[in-house]
């Protein structure tokens, strides 16, 4: 669940960040994909740690 939330939040954050910097549509898509993947992986690792600790 945390990985999906991280993916969505990261994609939104990356898209907004690229738009503020004046990027084109491809820039927005690339930033959204990169940030989504990074935060999705962070969420996955947090989920693993929480499940192992419990």
N, C-alpha and C. Protein backbone atom coordinates (compact mmCIF):
# COMPACT_ATOMS: atom_id res chain seq x y z
N UNK A 1 0.82 -1.19 0.00
CA UNK A 1 0.00 0.00 0.00
C UNK A 1 0.87 1.26 0.00
N UNK A 2 1.93 1.22 0.78
CA UNK A 2 2.81 2.39 0.83
C UNK A 2 3.53 2.62 -0.49
N UNK A 3 3.82 1.54 -1.20
CA UNK A 3 4.52 1.69 -2.48
C UNK A 3 3.62 2.38 -3.52
N UNK A 4 2.33 2.05 -3.50
CA UNK A 4 1.40 2.69 -4.43
C UNK A 4 1.23 4.17 -4.08
N UNK A 5 1.11 4.45 -2.79
CA UNK A 5 0.99 5.84 -2.36
C UNK A 5 2.25 6.62 -2.72
N UNK A 6 3.41 6.01 -2.52
CA UNK A 6 4.66 6.67 -2.89
C UNK A 6 4.76 6.93 -4.37
N UNK A 7 4.30 5.97 -5.17
CA UNK A 7 4.31 6.14 -6.61
C UNK A 7 3.45 7.32 -7.05
N UNK A 8 2.24 7.39 -6.51
CA UNK A 8 1.31 8.46 -6.90
C UNK A 8 1.82 9.82 -6.41
N UNK A 9 2.24 9.89 -5.16
CA UNK A 9 2.73 11.16 -4.61
C UNK A 9 3.99 11.61 -5.35
N UNK A 10 4.88 10.68 -5.63
CA UNK A 10 6.09 11.01 -6.36
C UNK A 10 5.81 11.52 -7.76
N UNK A 11 4.86 10.89 -8.44
CA UNK A 11 4.52 11.32 -9.79
C UNK A 11 3.92 12.73 -9.78
N UNK A 12 3.05 12.98 -8.83
CA UNK A 12 2.47 14.32 -8.73
C UNK A 12 3.53 15.36 -8.40
N UNK A 13 4.39 15.02 -7.46
CA UNK A 13 5.45 15.95 -7.05
C UNK A 13 6.41 16.23 -8.21
N UNK A 14 6.80 15.20 -8.93
CA UNK A 14 7.69 15.39 -10.06
C UNK A 14 7.06 16.20 -11.18
N UNK A 15 5.79 15.96 -11.46
CA UNK A 15 5.11 16.72 -12.49
C UNK A 15 5.00 18.19 -12.14
N UNK A 16 4.66 18.48 -10.90
CA UNK A 16 4.55 19.88 -10.47
C UNK A 16 5.92 20.55 -10.49
N UNK A 17 6.93 19.81 -10.07
CA UNK A 17 8.29 20.37 -10.04
C UNK A 17 8.77 20.72 -11.45
N UNK A 18 8.52 19.86 -12.42
CA UNK A 18 8.93 20.13 -13.79
C UNK A 18 8.14 21.28 -14.39
N UNK A 19 6.85 21.35 -14.06
CA UNK A 19 6.01 22.43 -14.60
C UNK A 19 6.46 23.78 -14.06
N UNK A 20 6.83 23.83 -12.78
CA UNK A 20 7.30 25.09 -12.20
C UNK A 20 8.60 25.57 -12.83
N UNK A 21 9.42 24.62 -13.29
CA UNK A 21 10.68 24.97 -13.93
C UNK A 21 10.50 25.30 -15.41
N UNK A 22 9.27 25.26 -15.89
CA UNK A 22 9.00 25.63 -17.28
C UNK A 22 9.28 24.53 -18.27
N UNK A 23 9.16 23.29 -17.86
CA UNK A 23 9.45 22.17 -18.75
C UNK A 23 8.33 21.89 -19.72
N UNK A 24 8.69 21.22 -20.80
CA UNK A 24 7.69 20.83 -21.80
C UNK A 24 6.94 19.60 -21.29
N UNK A 25 6.04 19.10 -22.09
CA UNK A 25 5.26 17.93 -21.70
C UNK A 25 6.13 16.70 -21.48
N UNK A 26 7.17 16.55 -22.31
CA UNK A 26 8.08 15.42 -22.14
C UNK A 26 8.87 15.54 -20.83
N UNK A 27 9.27 16.76 -20.48
CA UNK A 27 9.98 16.97 -19.23
C UNK A 27 9.10 16.63 -18.03
N UNK A 28 7.84 17.05 -18.10
CA UNK A 28 6.90 16.75 -17.02
C UNK A 28 6.73 15.24 -16.87
N UNK A 29 6.59 14.55 -18.00
CA UNK A 29 6.43 13.10 -17.96
C UNK A 29 7.66 12.41 -17.40
N UNK A 30 8.84 12.87 -17.80
CA UNK A 30 10.07 12.25 -17.32
C UNK A 30 10.26 12.48 -15.83
N UNK A 31 10.04 13.70 -15.37
CA UNK A 31 10.15 14.00 -13.94
C UNK A 31 9.13 13.20 -13.14
N UNK A 32 7.90 13.11 -13.64
CA UNK A 32 6.86 12.36 -12.94
C UNK A 32 7.24 10.89 -12.85
N UNK A 33 7.75 10.32 -13.92
CA UNK A 33 8.13 8.91 -13.91
C UNK A 33 9.29 8.66 -12.96
N UNK A 34 10.30 9.50 -13.02
CA UNK A 34 11.48 9.30 -12.17
C UNK A 34 11.14 9.46 -10.70
N UNK A 35 10.42 10.51 -10.35
CA UNK A 35 10.06 10.73 -8.95
C UNK A 35 9.09 9.65 -8.46
N UNK A 36 8.19 9.23 -9.32
CA UNK A 36 7.26 8.17 -8.95
C UNK A 36 7.98 6.86 -8.66
N UNK A 37 8.93 6.51 -9.50
CA UNK A 37 9.69 5.28 -9.27
C UNK A 37 10.51 5.35 -7.98
N UNK A 38 11.15 6.48 -7.76
CA UNK A 38 11.99 6.63 -6.56
C UNK A 38 11.14 6.52 -5.30
N UNK A 39 10.07 7.28 -5.22
CA UNK A 39 9.25 7.24 -4.00
C UNK A 39 8.48 5.92 -3.89
N UNK A 40 8.16 5.30 -5.01
CA UNK A 40 7.54 3.99 -4.95
C UNK A 40 8.47 2.95 -4.35
N UNK A 41 9.75 3.01 -4.71
CA UNK A 41 10.74 2.09 -4.14
C UNK A 41 10.97 2.38 -2.66
N UNK A 42 10.99 3.64 -2.29
CA UNK A 42 11.12 3.98 -0.87
C UNK A 42 9.94 3.42 -0.09
N UNK A 43 8.74 3.56 -0.63
CA UNK A 43 7.55 3.01 0.03
C UNK A 43 7.61 1.50 0.13
N UNK A 44 8.15 0.84 -0.90
CA UNK A 44 8.30 -0.61 -0.86
C UNK A 44 9.25 -1.03 0.25
N UNK A 45 10.39 -0.37 0.37
CA UNK A 45 11.35 -0.70 1.41
C UNK A 45 10.79 -0.42 2.80
N UNK A 46 10.04 0.66 2.94
CA UNK A 46 9.40 0.95 4.24
C UNK A 46 8.39 -0.13 4.58
N UNK A 47 7.63 -0.58 3.59
CA UNK A 47 6.66 -1.66 3.83
C UNK A 47 7.36 -2.94 4.27
N UNK A 48 8.47 -3.26 3.63
CA UNK A 48 9.22 -4.47 4.01
C UNK A 48 9.73 -4.36 5.44
N UNK A 49 10.28 -3.21 5.79
CA UNK A 49 10.80 -3.01 7.15
C UNK A 49 9.69 -3.12 8.17
N UNK A 50 8.54 -2.53 7.89
CA UNK A 50 7.42 -2.58 8.83
C UNK A 50 6.91 -4.01 9.00
N UNK A 51 6.81 -4.75 7.90
CA UNK A 51 6.34 -6.13 7.98
C UNK A 51 7.33 -7.04 8.70
N UNK A 52 8.62 -6.81 8.51
CA UNK A 52 9.64 -7.61 9.19
C UNK A 52 9.72 -7.30 10.67
N UNK A 53 9.47 -6.05 11.03
CA UNK A 53 9.58 -5.64 12.44
C UNK A 53 8.37 -6.11 13.25
N UNK A 54 7.23 -6.30 12.59
CA UNK A 54 6.00 -6.63 13.29
C UNK A 54 5.81 -8.02 13.56
